[in-house]
Amino acid sequence: MSKTKLTIPQLRQLKEEGKKVKMIVCYDYPMAAIVEKSEADMILVGDSLGMVVMGLDSTVPVNMEEIIYHLRAVRRATPNTFVVADLPFMSYQASVEEAIRNAGRLLKEGADCVKLEGGLEVVDTVKAIVRAGVPVMAHIGLTPQTVAMLGGFKVQGKSAEAAEKMLLEAQKLEEAGAFAVLLECVPSQLAKLITEKLSVPTIGTGAGPDVDGHCLNAYDLLGIFDKFVPKFIKQYAKLGPVMVEAFNQHCREIDSGEFPKPEHCFNMNSEDLKRLY
C-alpha cells in the first residue's frame, strides 16, 4: 500500500471533514516498517518506551538520547508516515530556551513534530517552541511524566472543577499554537466537549469515540506487552503466546536435531574441503 505523508493543514482538514486520524505508538524499525505499510496516518515515538521496551516502572527516567535513538530507527522505516516524538521529562521544564533547543533537536533527528505534556504551566513554553518553528502536539489529561502528582494512572477530569480546568487548558494550548491536543484517560463526555470547542484536532488515548483521532500502542494492540492492559486497549491479536510457542518449537527442534536441516546450511566445495584433511 502506498500513501503520502499527511501535513499539519491536512490534519485540520480531516477534522473539518469528520474523518478520524489514526496514530500508533512504536519504537523500532521492524514495527515501524509494518505500521508504514498500514493505513495509520501517524506514529508516536513515545517516552512510554521506558516502560514498554526498557522495562522501567514509569516514563520519568527516559532521556533525550533514548528518544533520539528510537526516533532514528522509526524514521528510517517511515518515509510516508507523520512521526511525532515525545519530549521526555525535564527536557522542557527547566527553561524555555532548553525546551526550544531540545524540540529543535528532535526535528533535526527526523520528527515531524514534538509532543509535550502539561496544561496551563506549559502554555508559554508551547508558544515559544511554535514561534521557533517547531510544530507542537499538546498532551493533557493523564500525563504519565507527572503521574505521582496525579495519584497514579487514573482517569482525569471527572469532577466539574477538574473538567472546567482541562477545557481551559485545551483552549489555552490551542491559542499558544498547538496544532493538536492529545487527551489521555479522559471521560468521553468531556473529550467530546473539548473536541467541539477546539478548531484543532483532538487525539484520544482512552478518551471515548468523539475525539478527532485515536492513538494506541502497537505492542498493546498486538498483545505483545502484557505487564498490564489498560481498560481503553483493544487487543486485535494476542501475539505474545504465539511468539513464545515459536521460540519453544525452535528450542525443541534444536534438542531433537530437526534444526538445522540441509537447506539451512552453507557448504564448501568438496575439493577445498579435502585440503583441510
Protein backbone atom coordinates (compact mmCIF):
# COMPACT_ATOMS: atom_id res chain seq x y z
CA MET A 1 0.00 0.00 0.00
CA SER A 2 1.37 3.41 -0.96
CA LYS A 3 0.48 6.54 0.94
CA THR A 4 1.54 10.15 1.21
CA LYS A 5 2.64 11.70 4.46
CA LEU A 6 0.00 13.95 5.96
CA THR A 7 0.70 17.61 6.58
CA ILE A 8 -0.49 19.63 9.54
CA PRO A 9 -3.01 21.60 7.42
CA GLN A 10 -4.37 18.27 6.16
CA LEU A 11 -4.83 17.07 9.74
CA ARG A 12 -7.01 20.08 10.46
CA GLN A 13 -8.90 19.41 7.23
CA LEU A 14 -9.61 15.84 8.39
CA LYS A 15 -11.26 17.30 11.49
CA GLU A 16 -13.37 19.63 9.37
CA GLU A 17 -14.44 16.70 7.20
CA GLY A 18 -15.23 14.49 10.18
CA LYS A 19 -12.55 11.95 9.28
CA LYS A 20 -10.57 10.24 12.03
CA VAL A 21 -6.81 10.47 12.48
CA LYS A 22 -5.08 7.15 13.26
CA MET A 23 -1.88 7.21 15.32
CA ILE A 24 0.06 4.17 16.53
CA VAL A 25 2.88 4.17 19.08
CA CYS A 26 6.04 2.23 18.25
CA TYR A 27 9.76 2.50 18.86
CA ASP A 28 11.78 0.33 16.46
CA TYR A 29 12.50 -0.21 12.77
CA PRO A 30 10.69 -3.55 12.23
CA MET A 31 7.48 -2.44 13.93
CA ALA A 32 7.56 0.98 12.27
CA ALA A 33 8.06 -0.64 8.86
CA ILE A 34 4.87 -2.64 9.44
CA VAL A 35 2.96 0.45 10.53
CA GLU A 36 4.26 2.24 7.43
CA LYS A 37 2.51 -0.41 5.31
CA SER A 38 -0.76 0.06 7.21
CA GLU A 39 -3.48 2.69 6.96
CA ALA A 40 -2.16 4.55 10.02
CA ASP A 41 -1.61 8.28 9.50
CA MET A 42 0.86 8.94 12.30
CA ILE A 43 3.40 7.23 14.53
CA LEU A 44 4.26 8.38 18.03
CA VAL A 45 7.74 7.64 19.34
CA GLY A 46 6.61 7.99 22.93
CA ASP A 47 8.52 8.10 26.17
CA SER A 48 6.38 5.08 27.06
CA LEU A 49 9.31 3.22 25.52
CA GLY A 50 10.74 3.38 29.04
CA MET A 51 8.02 1.02 30.26
CA VAL A 52 7.35 -0.99 27.10
CA VAL A 53 10.82 -1.70 25.74
CA MET A 54 13.14 -0.80 28.64
CA GLY A 55 11.16 -2.45 31.44
CA LEU A 56 11.03 0.64 33.68
CA ASP A 57 8.20 1.37 36.10
CA SER A 58 7.50 4.81 34.65
CA THR A 59 8.40 7.17 31.81
CA VAL A 60 10.29 9.56 34.10
CA PRO A 61 13.85 8.11 33.64
CA VAL A 62 13.69 8.34 29.82
CA ASN A 63 16.09 10.95 28.41
CA MET A 64 16.64 12.76 25.13
CA GLU A 65 19.31 10.35 23.90
CA GLU A 66 16.96 7.40 24.30
CA ILE A 67 14.13 9.16 22.48
CA ILE A 68 16.52 10.10 19.66
CA TYR A 69 17.86 6.54 19.38
CA HIS A 70 14.36 5.17 18.83
CA LEU A 71 13.25 8.13 16.69
CA ARG A 72 16.08 7.49 14.24
CA ALA A 73 15.10 3.82 13.91
CA VAL A 74 11.43 4.67 13.33
CA ARG A 75 12.20 7.45 10.87
CA ARG A 76 14.30 5.16 8.67
CA ALA A 77 11.28 2.90 8.22
CA THR A 78 8.62 5.57 7.66
CA PRO A 79 9.17 7.97 4.76
CA ASN A 80 5.41 8.32 4.25
CA THR A 81 4.12 8.44 7.83
CA PHE A 82 3.92 11.54 10.04
CA VAL A 83 6.17 10.95 13.06
CA VAL A 84 5.57 12.54 16.45
CA ALA A 85 8.37 12.47 19.05
CA ASP A 86 7.91 12.95 22.78
CA LEU A 87 9.90 15.50 24.71
CA PRO A 88 10.89 13.45 27.77
CA PHE A 89 10.67 14.55 31.39
CA MET A 90 12.91 17.53 32.25
CA SER A 91 13.77 18.23 28.61
CA TYR A 92 11.42 21.25 28.53
CA GLN A 93 10.58 22.15 32.13
CA ALA A 94 13.81 23.84 33.26
CA SER A 95 13.71 26.76 30.83
CA VAL A 96 12.07 27.91 27.63
CA GLU A 97 15.48 28.09 25.97
CA GLU A 98 16.21 24.45 26.78
CA ALA A 99 12.75 23.44 25.59
CA ILE A 100 13.31 25.14 22.23
CA ARG A 101 16.75 23.57 21.88
CA ASN A 102 15.51 20.06 22.61
CA ALA A 103 12.43 20.41 20.42
CA GLY A 104 14.57 21.60 17.55
CA ARG A 105 16.94 18.69 18.05
CA LEU A 106 14.10 16.18 17.68
CA LEU A 107 13.06 17.84 14.42
CA LYS A 108 16.65 17.65 13.16
CA GLU A 109 16.70 13.94 14.02
CA GLY A 110 13.63 13.25 11.87
CA ALA A 111 10.48 14.08 13.83
CA ASP A 112 7.70 15.94 12.08
CA CYS A 113 6.62 17.50 15.38
CA VAL A 114 7.12 17.18 19.11
CA LYS A 115 4.65 16.31 21.86
CA LEU A 116 4.86 17.58 25.40
CA GLU A 117 2.75 17.03 28.49
CA GLY A 118 1.09 19.65 30.65
CA GLY A 119 -1.64 22.26 30.81
CA LEU A 120 -1.52 25.89 31.83
CA GLU A 121 2.03 25.58 33.15
CA VAL A 122 3.42 24.82 29.67
CA VAL A 123 1.40 27.32 27.63
CA ASP A 124 4.26 29.82 27.39
CA THR A 125 6.68 27.01 26.52
CA VAL A 126 4.42 25.77 23.72
CA LYS A 127 4.12 29.31 22.39
CA ALA A 128 7.90 29.74 22.36
CA ILE A 129 8.58 26.40 20.67
CA VAL A 130 5.99 27.10 17.98
CA ARG A 131 7.41 30.59 17.46
CA ALA A 132 10.80 28.96 16.91
CA GLY A 133 9.30 26.94 14.04
CA VAL A 134 8.68 23.58 15.70
CA PRO A 135 5.15 22.13 15.49
CA VAL A 136 3.75 21.06 18.88
CA MET A 137 1.16 18.48 19.85
CA ALA A 138 -0.10 19.14 23.37
CA HIS A 139 -0.94 16.36 25.84
CA ILE A 140 -3.37 16.80 28.74
CA GLY A 141 -5.44 14.56 30.99
CA LEU A 142 -3.37 11.72 32.37
CA THR A 143 0.21 12.91 31.97
CA PRO A 144 2.50 9.96 32.79
CA GLN A 145 5.57 12.12 33.44
CA THR A 146 3.80 13.62 36.48
CA VAL A 147 1.71 10.60 37.41
CA ALA A 148 2.93 10.71 41.01
CA MET A 149 1.31 14.12 41.44
CA LEU A 150 -1.93 12.79 39.93
CA GLY A 151 -2.19 9.94 42.40
CA GLY A 152 -1.46 7.18 39.91
CA PHE A 153 -2.60 6.05 36.49
CA LYS A 154 -6.28 7.01 36.66
CA VAL A 155 -8.94 8.93 34.78
CA GLN A 156 -8.61 12.72 34.89
CA GLY A 157 -11.31 15.41 34.64
CA LYS A 158 -14.15 13.54 36.30
CA SER A 159 -15.33 16.37 38.56
CA ALA A 160 -16.88 19.58 37.25
CA GLU A 161 -13.97 21.63 38.57
CA ALA A 162 -11.33 19.37 37.02
CA ALA A 163 -13.25 19.24 33.72
CA GLU A 164 -13.51 23.04 33.55
CA LYS A 165 -9.77 23.33 34.14
CA MET A 166 -8.98 20.78 31.42
CA LEU A 167 -11.23 22.56 28.92
CA LEU A 168 -9.48 25.85 29.71
CA GLU A 169 -6.08 24.18 29.30
CA ALA A 170 -7.04 22.77 25.90
CA GLN A 171 -8.21 26.19 24.72
CA LYS A 172 -5.09 27.96 26.00
CA LEU A 173 -2.83 25.37 24.38
CA GLU A 174 -4.63 25.88 21.07
CA GLU A 175 -4.18 29.64 21.43
CA ALA A 176 -0.48 29.05 22.14
CA GLY A 177 -0.16 27.37 18.74
CA ALA A 178 -0.51 23.65 19.40
CA PHE A 179 -1.72 22.04 16.17
CA ALA A 180 -3.39 19.13 18.01
CA VAL A 181 -4.22 18.09 21.57
CA LEU A 182 -3.87 14.53 22.85
CA LEU A 183 -6.38 13.63 25.56
CA GLU A 184 -5.38 10.66 27.72
CA CYS A 185 -7.72 8.88 30.16
CA VAL A 186 -10.46 11.49 29.95
CA PRO A 187 -14.22 10.87 30.34
CA SER A 188 -15.89 10.50 26.94
CA GLN A 189 -18.29 13.36 27.60
CA LEU A 190 -15.50 15.79 28.45
CA ALA A 191 -13.44 14.70 25.46
CA LYS A 192 -16.46 15.31 23.22
CA LEU A 193 -16.92 18.81 24.63
CA ILE A 194 -13.24 19.70 24.22
CA THR A 195 -13.31 18.37 20.67
CA GLU A 196 -16.31 20.56 19.86
CA LYS A 197 -14.71 23.65 21.40
CA LEU A 198 -11.36 23.35 19.60
CA SER A 199 -10.65 24.07 15.96
CA VAL A 200 -7.52 21.87 16.07
CA PRO A 201 -7.80 18.05 16.14
CA THR A 202 -8.08 16.13 19.38
CA ILE A 203 -6.49 12.69 19.54
CA GLY A 204 -7.69 10.32 22.22
CA THR A 205 -5.97 7.65 24.25
CA GLY A 206 -8.77 6.36 26.38
CA ALA A 207 -10.98 9.38 25.60
CA GLY A 208 -14.05 7.83 24.01
CA PRO A 209 -15.40 7.82 20.45
CA ASP A 210 -15.98 11.52 19.77
CA VAL A 211 -12.40 12.75 19.50
CA ASP A 212 -10.89 13.54 16.09
CA GLY A 213 -8.44 10.66 16.19
CA HIS A 214 -7.13 7.79 18.25
CA CYS A 215 -3.70 6.74 19.49
CA LEU A 216 -2.85 3.30 20.86
CA ASN A 217 0.37 1.37 21.35
CA ALA A 218 1.35 -1.24 18.77
CA TYR A 219 2.61 -3.60 21.48
CA ASP A 220 -0.77 -3.36 23.23
CA LEU A 221 -2.79 -3.75 20.02
CA LEU A 222 -0.86 -6.92 19.17
CA GLY A 223 -0.91 -8.44 22.64
CA ILE A 224 2.88 -8.39 22.99
CA PHE A 225 3.18 -6.17 26.07
CA ASP A 226 1.33 -7.88 28.90
CA LYS A 227 2.68 -6.27 32.07
CA PHE A 228 -0.68 -4.53 32.31
CA VAL A 229 -3.54 -3.92 29.87
CA PRO A 230 -5.38 -0.59 30.29
CA LYS A 231 -9.17 -0.57 30.04
CA PHE A 232 -9.05 1.52 26.85
CA ILE A 233 -6.97 -1.06 24.96
CA LYS A 234 -8.50 -3.41 22.43
CA GLN A 235 -6.18 -6.28 21.59
CA TYR A 236 -6.61 -7.16 17.91
CA ALA A 237 -4.22 -10.08 18.27
CA LYS A 238 -2.53 -12.00 21.06
CA LEU A 239 0.88 -12.49 19.53
CA GLY A 240 2.77 -12.87 22.81
CA PRO A 241 1.78 -16.54 23.32
CA VAL A 242 2.27 -17.23 19.59
CA MET A 243 5.81 -15.88 19.82
CA VAL A 244 6.58 -17.94 22.93
CA GLU A 245 5.38 -21.09 21.18
CA ALA A 246 7.52 -20.29 18.12
CA PHE A 247 10.58 -19.91 20.35
CA ASN A 248 9.73 -23.15 22.15
CA GLN A 249 9.29 -25.03 18.89
CA HIS A 250 12.69 -23.78 17.76
CA CYS A 251 14.26 -24.95 21.03
CA ARG A 252 12.62 -28.38 20.75
CA GLU A 253 13.87 -28.79 17.19
CA ILE A 254 17.40 -27.97 18.33
CA ASP A 255 17.10 -30.65 21.02
CA SER A 256 15.73 -33.24 18.57
CA GLY A 257 18.23 -32.41 15.82
CA GLU A 258 15.47 -31.42 13.42
CA PHE A 259 17.06 -27.98 13.12
CA PRO A 260 19.11 -27.08 11.20
CA LYS A 261 18.32 -29.09 8.09
CA PRO A 262 20.50 -29.09 4.96
CA GLU A 263 18.52 -26.19 3.46
CA HIS A 264 19.57 -24.02 6.40
CA CYS A 265 23.31 -24.76 5.96
CA PHE A 266 26.20 -23.48 3.82
CA ASN A 267 28.62 -25.87 2.09
CA MET A 268 32.21 -25.82 0.90
CA ASN A 269 33.47 -27.03 -2.44
CA SER A 270 34.47 -30.69 -1.97
CA GLU A 271 37.99 -30.11 -3.37
CA ASP A 272 38.62 -27.25 -0.95
CA LEU A 273 37.33 -29.36 1.88
CA LYS A 274 39.77 -32.18 1.07
CA ARG A 275 42.71 -29.82 1.54
CA LEU A 276 41.78 -29.41 5.21
CA TYR A 277 42.14 -33.15 5.96
